[in-house]
Amino acid sequence: MLLQLSLIAAVAATIGAIFAIWRWSYALQAYKLQKLQLMIQILMLDESREYWKTPKMIYCKEKKNFKTLPTIKAIYEEGKKVGIEIA
C-alpha cells in the first residue's frame, strides 16, 4: 500500500516538474515579448510627443522621407539597442 502511494506521488511529481519546465519557458518568452511591447509603446509615445510639440509643417518636412511604419527588423534592432534579446 505504501509502495503504491509512493509510486503515485513520484508520477505526480514528474508530471508537475514537466509542467513547471514548460510553464517557465512560456513565462520567460512572455516576459521578453512584454518588454518589447513596452519599448514599442515608449517609442510611440516619444513620436507622439514630438508630433504635438513640433509645428506641423516643420514636422511634415522632417518626416516626409520616412516610412510611417517601422519594419520588424527596425524594431528588432531598436530592441537590441536597449538590451532586449528576442528568442
PDB file of N, CA and C in Angstrom:
ATOM      1  N   MET A   1       0.810  -1.187   0.000  1.00  0.00           N
ATOM      2  CA  MET A   1       0.000   0.000   0.000  1.00  0.00           C
ATOM      3  C   MET A   1       0.867   1.270   0.000  1.00  0.00           C
ATOM      4  N   LEU A   2       1.872   1.270   0.871  1.00  0.00           N
ATOM      5  CA  LEU A   2       2.772   2.413   0.952  1.00  0.00           C
ATOM      6  C   LEU A   2       3.570   2.560  -0.341  1.00  0.00           C
ATOM      7  N   LEU A   3       3.931   1.448  -0.947  1.00  0.00           N
ATOM      8  CA  LEU A   3       4.670   1.477  -2.213  1.00  0.00           C
ATOM      9  C   LEU A   3       3.806   2.077  -3.328  1.00  0.00           C
ATOM     10  N   GLN A   4       2.544   1.750  -3.357  1.00  0.00           N
ATOM     11  CA  GLN A   4       1.637   2.288  -4.370  1.00  0.00           C
ATOM     12  C   GLN A   4       1.461   3.798  -4.195  1.00  0.00           C
ATOM     13  N   LEU A   5       1.332   4.248  -2.973  1.00  0.00           N
ATOM     14  CA  LEU A   5       1.221   5.688  -2.714  1.00  0.00           C
ATOM     15  C   LEU A   5       2.494   6.422  -3.124  1.00  0.00           C
ATOM     16  N   SER A   6       3.627   5.791  -2.863  1.00  0.00           N
ATOM     17  CA  SER A   6       4.906   6.392  -3.263  1.00  0.00           C
ATOM     18  C   SER A   6       5.016   6.473  -4.785  1.00  0.00           C
ATOM     19  N   LEU A   7       4.536   5.437  -5.471  1.00  0.00           N
ATOM     20  CA  LEU A   7       4.563   5.426  -6.931  1.00  0.00           C
ATOM     21  C   LEU A   7       3.660   6.530  -7.491  1.00  0.00           C
ATOM     22  N   ILE A   8       2.488   6.673  -6.934  1.00  0.00           N
ATOM     23  CA  ILE A   8       1.570   7.727  -7.375  1.00  0.00           C
ATOM     24  C   ILE A   8       2.185   9.103  -7.137  1.00  0.00           C
ATOM     25  N   ALA A   9       2.802   9.288  -5.994  1.00  0.00           N
ATOM     26  CA  ALA A   9       3.445  10.564  -5.671  1.00  0.00           C
ATOM     27  C   ALA A   9       4.605  10.857  -6.629  1.00  0.00           C
ATOM     28  N   ALA A  10       5.386   9.822  -6.976  1.00  0.00           N
ATOM     29  CA  ALA A  10       6.507  10.006  -7.898  1.00  0.00           C
ATOM     30  C   ALA A  10       6.016  10.389  -9.293  1.00  0.00           C
ATOM     31  N   VAL A  11       4.956   9.723  -9.762  1.00  0.00           N
ATOM     32  CA  VAL A  11       4.403  10.049 -11.079  1.00  0.00           C
ATOM     33  C   VAL A  11       3.849  11.476 -11.077  1.00  0.00           C
ATOM     34  N   ALA A  12       3.134  11.846 -10.029  1.00  0.00           N
ATOM     35  CA  ALA A  12       2.578  13.199  -9.930  1.00  0.00           C
ATOM     36  C   ALA A  12       3.694  14.246  -9.883  1.00  0.00           C
ATOM     37  N   ALA A  13       4.771  13.942  -9.164  1.00  0.00           N
ATOM     38  CA  ALA A  13       5.896  14.877  -9.083  1.00  0.00           C
ATOM     39  C   ALA A  13       6.568  15.039 -10.441  1.00  0.00           C
ATOM     40  N   THR A  14       6.687  13.949 -11.182  1.00  0.00           N
ATOM     41  CA  THR A  14       7.290  14.006 -12.518  1.00  0.00           C
ATOM     42  C   THR A  14       6.429  14.844 -13.460  1.00  0.00           C
ATOM     43  N   ILE A  15       5.124  14.610 -13.432  1.00  0.00           N
ATOM     44  CA  ILE A  15       4.210  15.399 -14.272  1.00  0.00           C
ATOM     45  C   ILE A  15       4.265  16.869 -13.873  1.00  0.00           C
ATOM     46  N   GLY A  16       4.310  17.130 -12.587  1.00  0.00           N
ATOM     47  CA  GLY A  16       4.410  18.510 -12.102  1.00  0.00           C
ATOM     48  C   GLY A  16       5.701  19.180 -12.543  1.00  0.00           C
ATOM     49  N   ALA A  17       6.807  18.441 -12.516  1.00  0.00           N
ATOM     50  CA  ALA A  17       8.097  19.002 -12.940  1.00  0.00           C
ATOM     51  C   ALA A  17       8.082  19.340 -14.432  1.00  0.00           C
ATOM     52  N   ILE A  18       7.509  18.445 -15.229  1.00  0.00           N
ATOM     53  CA  ILE A  18       7.418  18.701 -16.672  1.00  0.00           C
ATOM     54  C   ILE A  18       6.563  19.942 -16.932  1.00  0.00           C
ATOM     55  N   PHE A  19       5.440  20.048 -16.245  1.00  0.00           N
ATOM     56  CA  PHE A  19       4.580  21.211 -16.402  1.00  0.00           C
ATOM     57  C   PHE A  19       5.294  22.489 -15.972  1.00  0.00           C
ATOM     58  N   ALA A  20       6.055  22.434 -14.884  1.00  0.00           N
ATOM     59  CA  ALA A  20       6.775  23.615 -14.386  1.00  0.00           C
ATOM     60  C   ALA A  20       7.829  24.077 -15.393  1.00  0.00           C
ATOM     61  N   ILE A  21       8.525  23.137 -16.023  1.00  0.00           N
ATOM     62  CA  ILE A  21       9.529  23.494 -17.031  1.00  0.00           C
ATOM     63  C   ILE A  21       8.852  24.167 -18.218  1.00  0.00           C
ATOM     64  N   TRP A  22       7.735  23.603 -18.681  1.00  0.00           N
ATOM     65  CA  TRP A  22       7.007  24.189 -19.806  1.00  0.00           C
ATOM     66  C   TRP A  22       6.505  25.580 -19.425  1.00  0.00           C
ATOM     67  N   ARG A  23       5.981  25.721 -18.235  1.00  0.00           N
ATOM     68  CA  ARG A  23       5.435  26.997 -17.787  1.00  0.00           C
ATOM     69  C   ARG A  23       6.543  28.037 -17.660  1.00  0.00           C
ATOM     70  N   TRP A  24       7.726  27.624 -17.225  1.00  0.00           N
ATOM     71  CA  TRP A  24       8.838  28.567 -17.073  1.00  0.00           C
ATOM     72  C   TRP A  24       9.261  29.115 -18.433  1.00  0.00           C
ATOM     73  N   SER A  25       9.393  28.255 -19.433  1.00  0.00           N
ATOM     74  CA  SER A  25       9.799  28.740 -20.755  1.00  0.00           C
ATOM     75  C   SER A  25       8.726  29.658 -21.340  1.00  0.00           C
ATOM     76  N   TYR A  26       7.463  29.333 -21.100  1.00  0.00           N
ATOM     77  CA  TYR A  26       6.365  30.187 -21.560  1.00  0.00           C
ATOM     78  C   TYR A  26       6.423  31.544 -20.865  1.00  0.00           C
ATOM     79  N   ALA A  27       6.648  31.538 -19.565  1.00  0.00           N
ATOM     80  CA  ALA A  27       6.717  32.790 -18.804  1.00  0.00           C
ATOM     81  C   ALA A  27       7.907  33.636 -19.251  1.00  0.00           C
ATOM     82  N   LEU A  28       9.027  33.000 -19.523  1.00  0.00           N
ATOM     83  CA  LEU A  28      10.210  33.733 -19.974  1.00  0.00           C
ATOM     84  C   LEU A  28       9.971  34.375 -21.334  1.00  0.00           C
ATOM     85  N   GLN A  29       9.351  33.639 -22.242  1.00  0.00           N
ATOM     86  CA  GLN A  29       9.037  34.180 -23.561  1.00  0.00           C
ATOM     87  C   GLN A  29       8.026  35.329 -23.444  1.00  0.00           C
ATOM     88  N   ALA A  30       7.023  35.172 -22.608  1.00  0.00           N
ATOM     89  CA  ALA A  30       6.026  36.227 -22.408  1.00  0.00           C
ATOM     90  C   ALA A  30       6.685  37.475 -21.827  1.00  0.00           C
ATOM     91  N   TYR A  31       7.630  37.298 -20.917  1.00  0.00           N
ATOM     92  CA  TYR A  31       8.338  38.434 -20.330  1.00  0.00           C
ATOM     93  C   TYR A  31       9.116  39.207 -21.390  1.00  0.00           C
ATOM     94  N   LYS A  32       9.825  38.475 -22.260  1.00  0.00           N
ATOM     95  CA  LYS A  32      10.597  39.131 -23.316  1.00  0.00           C
ATOM     96  C   LYS A  32       9.688  39.892 -24.271  1.00  0.00           C
ATOM     97  N   LEU A  33       8.566  39.294 -24.619  1.00  0.00           N
ATOM     98  CA  LEU A  33       7.645  39.962 -25.535  1.00  0.00           C
ATOM     99  C   LEU A  33       6.986  41.176 -24.887  1.00  0.00           C
ATOM    100  N   GLN A  34       6.681  41.096 -23.592  1.00  0.00           N
ATOM    101  CA  GLN A  34       6.114  42.250 -22.899  1.00  0.00           C
ATOM    102  C   GLN A  34       7.122  43.380 -22.800  1.00  0.00           C
ATOM    103  N   LYS A  35       8.390  43.025 -22.631  1.00  0.00           N
ATOM    104  CA  LYS A  35       9.441  44.033 -22.599  1.00  0.00           C
ATOM    105  C   LYS A  35       9.545  44.747 -23.949  1.00  0.00           C
ATOM    106  N   LEU A  36       9.461  43.962 -25.032  1.00  0.00           N
ATOM    107  CA  LEU A  36       9.493  44.537 -26.370  1.00  0.00           C
ATOM    108  C   LEU A  36       8.265  45.417 -26.603  1.00  0.00           C
ATOM    109  N   GLN A  37       7.110  44.964 -26.148  1.00  0.00           N
ATOM    110  CA  GLN A  37       5.888  45.750 -26.290  1.00  0.00           C
ATOM    111  C   GLN A  37       6.022  47.084 -25.557  1.00  0.00           C
ATOM    112  N   LEU A  38       6.580  47.070 -24.376  1.00  0.00           N
ATOM    113  CA  LEU A  38       6.789  48.296 -23.621  1.00  0.00           C
ATOM    114  C   LEU A  38       7.727  49.239 -24.366  1.00  0.00           C
ATOM    115  N   MET A  39       8.794  48.691 -24.958  1.00  0.00           N
ATOM    116  CA  MET A  39       9.732  49.511 -25.711  1.00  0.00           C
ATOM    117  C   MET A  39       9.036  50.161 -26.906  1.00  0.00           C
ATOM    118  N   ILE A  40       8.176  49.412 -27.594  1.00  0.00           N
ATOM    119  CA  ILE A  40       7.455  49.961 -28.739  1.00  0.00           C
ATOM    120  C   ILE A  40       6.493  51.053 -28.280  1.00  0.00           C
ATOM    121  N   GLN A  41       5.831  50.835 -27.154  1.00  0.00           N
ATOM    122  CA  GLN A  41       4.922  51.851 -26.627  1.00  0.00           C
ATOM    123  C   GLN A  41       5.664  53.129 -26.264  1.00  0.00           C
ATOM    124  N   ILE A  42       6.863  52.993 -25.718  1.00  0.00           N
ATOM    125  CA  ILE A  42       7.668  54.166 -25.370  1.00  0.00           C
ATOM    126  C   ILE A  42       8.075  54.909 -26.630  1.00  0.00           C
ATOM    127  N   LEU A  43       8.465  54.168 -27.680  1.00  0.00           N
ATOM    128  CA  LEU A  43       8.810  54.813 -28.944  1.00  0.00           C
ATOM    129  C   LEU A  43       7.605  55.540 -29.545  1.00  0.00           C
ATOM    130  N   MET A  44       6.430  54.927 -29.437  1.00  0.00           N
ATOM    131  CA  MET A  44       5.214  55.564 -29.947  1.00  0.00           C
ATOM    132  C   MET A  44       4.903  56.833 -29.154  1.00  0.00           C
ATOM    133  N   LEU A  45       5.070  56.775 -27.850  1.00  0.00           N
ATOM    134  CA  LEU A  45       4.826  57.951 -27.015  1.00  0.00           C
ATOM    135  C   LEU A  45       5.800  59.072 -27.357  1.00  0.00           C
ATOM    136  N   ASP A  46       7.056  58.719 -27.580  1.00  0.00           N
ATOM    137  CA  ASP A  46       8.061  59.706 -27.959  1.00  0.00           C
ATOM    138  C   ASP A  46       7.701  60.358 -29.292  1.00  0.00           C
ATOM    139  N   GLU A  47       7.279  59.545 -30.260  1.00  0.00           N
ATOM    140  CA  GLU A  47       6.886  60.073 -31.559  1.00  0.00           C
ATOM    141  C   GLU A  47       5.658  60.982 -31.430  1.00  0.00           C
ATOM    142  N   SER A  48       4.712  60.583 -30.596  1.00  0.00           N
ATOM    143  CA  SER A  48       3.508  61.386 -30.388  1.00  0.00           C
ATOM    144  C   SER A  48       3.847  62.739 -29.764  1.00  0.00           C
ATOM    145  N   ARG A  49       4.727  62.719 -28.789  1.00  0.00           N
ATOM    146  CA  ARG A  49       5.122  63.982 -28.151  1.00  0.00           C
ATOM    147  C   ARG A  49       5.834  64.889 -29.143  1.00  0.00           C
ATOM    148  N   GLU A  50       6.694  64.295 -29.971  1.00  0.00           N
ATOM    149  CA  GLU A  50       7.379  65.082 -30.985  1.00  0.00           C
ATOM    150  C   GLU A  50       6.366  65.692 -31.955  1.00  0.00           C
ATOM    151  N   TYR A  51       5.374  64.920 -32.330  1.00  0.00           N
ATOM    152  CA  TYR A  51       4.343  65.396 -33.262  1.00  0.00           C
ATOM    153  C   TYR A  51       3.586  66.585 -32.685  1.00  0.00           C
ATOM    154  N   TRP A  52       3.201  66.503 -31.419  1.00  0.00           N
ATOM    155  CA  TRP A  52       2.380  67.566 -30.839  1.00  0.00           C
ATOM    156  C   TRP A  52       3.189  68.796 -30.446  1.00  0.00           C
ATOM    157  N   LYS A  53       4.491  68.641 -30.202  1.00  0.00           N
ATOM    158  CA  LYS A  53       5.306  69.796 -29.809  1.00  0.00           C
ATOM    159  C   LYS A  53       5.852  70.561 -31.014  1.00  0.00           C
ATOM    160  N   THR A  54       6.069  69.870 -32.124  1.00  0.00           N
ATOM    161  CA  THR A  54       6.669  70.486 -33.308  1.00  0.00           C
ATOM    162  C   THR A  54       5.581  71.139 -34.155  1.00  0.00           C
ATOM    163  N   PRO A  55       5.854  72.335 -34.686  1.00  0.00           N
ATOM    164  CA  PRO A  55       4.881  72.899 -35.637  1.00  0.00           C
ATOM    165  C   PRO A  55       4.652  71.918 -36.792  1.00  0.00           C
ATOM    166  N   LYS A  56       3.416  71.823 -37.234  1.00  0.00           N
ATOM    167  CA  LYS A  56       3.028  70.744 -38.148  1.00  0.00           C
ATOM    168  C   LYS A  56       3.781  70.749 -39.474  1.00  0.00           C
ATOM    169  N   MET A  57       3.994  71.903 -40.056  1.00  0.00           N
ATOM    170  CA  MET A  57       4.684  71.932 -41.360  1.00  0.00           C
ATOM    171  C   MET A  57       6.143  71.519 -41.209  1.00  0.00           C
ATOM    172  N   ILE A  58       6.772  71.917 -40.121  1.00  0.00           N
ATOM    173  CA  ILE A  58       8.168  71.509 -39.880  1.00  0.00           C
ATOM    174  C   ILE A  58       8.220  69.997 -39.664  1.00  0.00           C
ATOM    175  N   TYR A  59       7.269  69.491 -38.880  1.00  0.00           N
ATOM    176  CA  TYR A  59       7.215  68.039 -38.630  1.00  0.00           C
ATOM    177  C   TYR A  59       7.018  67.278 -39.936  1.00  0.00           C
ATOM    178  N   CYS A  60       6.125  67.765 -40.773  1.00  0.00           N
ATOM    179  CA  CYS A  60       5.853  67.088 -42.056  1.00  0.00           C
ATOM    180  C   CYS A  60       7.080  67.106 -42.958  1.00  0.00           C
ATOM    181  N   LYS A  61       7.813  68.216 -42.972  1.00  0.00           N
ATOM    182  CA  LYS A  61       9.030  68.285 -43.791  1.00  0.00           C
ATOM    183  C   LYS A  61      10.085  67.301 -43.281  1.00  0.00           C
ATOM    184  N   GLU A  62      10.220  67.228 -41.940  1.00  0.00           N
ATOM    185  CA  GLU A  62      11.217  66.316 -41.374  1.00  0.00           C
ATOM    186  C   GLU A  62      10.866  64.853 -41.647  1.00  0.00           C
ATOM    187  N   LYS A  63       9.594  64.520 -41.583  1.00  0.00           N
ATOM    188  CA  LYS A  63       9.163  63.121 -41.705  1.00  0.00           C
ATOM    189  C   LYS A  63       8.761  62.737 -43.122  1.00  0.00           C
ATOM    190  N   LYS A  64       8.941  63.628 -44.065  1.00  0.00           N
ATOM    191  CA  LYS A  64       8.493  63.410 -45.436  1.00  0.00           C
ATOM    192  C   LYS A  64       9.087  62.146 -46.055  1.00  0.00           C
ATOM    193  N   ASN A  65      10.347  61.885 -45.809  1.00  0.00           N
ATOM    194  CA  ASN A  65      11.023  60.756 -46.442  1.00  0.00           C
ATOM    195  C   ASN A  65      11.023  59.490 -45.592  1.00  0.00           C
ATOM    196  N   PHE A  66      10.420  59.546 -44.400  1.00  0.00           N
ATOM    197  CA  PHE A  66      10.378  58.380 -43.538  1.00  0.00           C
ATOM    198  C   PHE A  66       9.142  57.543 -43.825  1.00  0.00           C
ATOM    199  N   LYS A  67       9.281  56.241 -43.663  1.00  0.00           N
ATOM    200  CA  LYS A  67       8.118  55.365 -43.754  1.00  0.00           C
ATOM    201  C   LYS A  67       7.310  55.524 -42.472  1.00  0.00           C
ATOM    202  N   THR A  68       6.008  55.371 -42.577  1.00  0.00           N
ATOM    203  CA  THR A  68       5.177  55.567 -41.393  1.00  0.00           C
ATOM    204  C   THR A  68       5.266  54.397 -40.425  1.00  0.00           C
ATOM    205  N   LEU A  69       5.446  53.190 -40.928  1.00  0.00           N
ATOM    206  CA  LEU A  69       5.516  52.021 -40.050  1.00  0.00           C
ATOM    207  C   LEU A  69       6.926  51.441 -40.063  1.00  0.00           C
ATOM    208  N   PRO A  70       7.513  51.247 -38.887  1.00  0.00           N
ATOM    209  CA  PRO A  70       8.843  50.614 -38.881  1.00  0.00           C
ATOM    210  C   PRO A  70       8.725  49.135 -39.244  1.00  0.00           C
ATOM    211  N   THR A  71       9.769  48.620 -39.828  1.00  0.00           N
ATOM    212  CA  THR A  71       9.781  47.199 -40.177  1.00  0.00           C
ATOM    213  C   THR A  71      10.096  46.376 -38.932  1.00  0.00           C
ATOM    214  N   ILE A  72       9.848  45.082 -39.034  1.00  0.00           N
ATOM    215  CA  ILE A  72      10.160  44.187 -37.916  1.00  0.00           C
ATOM    216  C   ILE A  72      11.660  44.230 -37.624  1.00  0.00           C
ATOM    217  N   LYS A  73      12.453  44.325 -38.674  1.00  0.00           N
ATOM    218  CA  LYS A  73      13.904  44.377 -38.488  1.00  0.00           C
ATOM    219  C   LYS A  73      14.309  45.636 -37.711  1.00  0.00           C
ATOM    220  N   ALA A  74      13.673  46.762 -38.016  1.00  0.00           N
ATOM    221  CA  ALA A  74      13.981  48.005 -37.304  1.00  0.00           C
ATOM    222  C   ALA A  74      13.589  47.905 -35.835  1.00  0.00           C
ATOM    223  N   ILE A  75      12.438  47.296 -35.570  1.00  0.00           N
ATOM    224  CA  ILE A  75      12.009  47.115 -34.188  1.00  0.00           C
ATOM    225  C   ILE A  75      12.972  46.190 -33.460  1.00  0.00           C
ATOM    226  N   TYR A  76      13.422  45.127 -34.138  1.00  0.00           N
ATOM    227  CA  TYR A  76      14.373  44.194 -33.543  1.00  0.00           C
ATOM    228  C   TYR A  76      15.691  44.907 -33.223  1.00  0.00           C
ATOM    229  N   GLU A  77      16.161  45.749 -34.147  1.00  0.00           N
ATOM    230  CA  GLU A  77      17.410  46.475 -33.915  1.00  0.00           C
ATOM    231  C   GLU A  77      17.261  47.461 -32.743  1.00  0.00           C
ATOM    232  N   GLU A  78      16.120  48.134 -32.661  1.00  0.00           N
ATOM    233  CA  GLU A  78      15.877  49.025 -31.531  1.00  0.00           C
ATOM    234  C   GLU A  78      15.854  48.236 -30.226  1.00  0.00           C
ATOM    235  N   GLY A  79      15.275  47.052 -30.279  1.00  0.00           N
ATOM    236  CA  GLY A  79      15.250  46.192 -29.092  1.00  0.00           C
ATOM    237  C   GLY A  79      16.645  45.796 -28.662  1.00  0.00           C
ATOM    238  N   LYS A  80      17.500  45.479 -29.638  1.00  0.00           N
ATOM    239  CA  LYS A  80      18.887  45.122 -29.316  1.00  0.00           C
ATOM    240  C   LYS A  80      19.631  46.292 -28.682  1.00  0.00           C
ATOM    241  N   LYS A  81      19.320  47.501 -29.127  1.00  0.00           N
ATOM    242  CA  LYS A  81      19.988  48.688 -28.577  1.00  0.00           C
ATOM    243  C   LYS A  81      19.694  48.871 -27.091  1.00  0.00           C
ATOM    244  N   VAL A  82      18.469  48.527 -26.696  1.00  0.00           N
ATOM    245  CA  VAL A  82      18.102  48.696 -25.294  1.00  0.00           C
ATOM    246  C   VAL A  82      18.274  47.402 -24.489  1.00  0.00           C
ATOM    247  N   GLY A  83      18.825  46.371 -25.129  1.00  0.00           N
ATOM    248  CA  GLY A  83      19.147  45.160 -24.384  1.00  0.00           C
ATOM    249  C   GLY A  83      18.080  44.074 -24.403  1.00  0.00           C
ATOM    250  N   ILE A  84      17.166  44.132 -25.354  1.00  0.00           N
ATOM    251  CA  ILE A  84      16.133  43.109 -25.439  1.00  0.00           C
ATOM    252  C   ILE A  84      16.540  42.080 -26.489  1.00  0.00           C
ATOM    253  N   GLU A  85      16.689  40.854 -26.073  1.00  0.00           N
ATOM    254  CA  GLU A  85      17.002  39.770 -26.997  1.00  0.00           C
ATOM    255  C   GLU A  85      15.747  38.942 -27.217  1.00  0.00           C
ATOM    256  N   ILE A  86      15.298  38.851 -28.449  1.00  0.00           N
ATOM    257  CA  ILE A  86      14.112  38.071 -28.759  1.00  0.00           C
ATOM    258  C   ILE A  86      14.546  36.705 -29.245  1.00  0.00           C
ATOM    259  N   ALA A  87      13.986  35.674 -28.605  1.00  0.00           N
ATOM    260  CA  ALA A  87      14.364  34.308 -28.970  1.00  0.00           C
ATOM    261  C   ALA A  87      13.732  33.888 -30.260  1.00  0.00           C
TER     262      ALA A  87
END
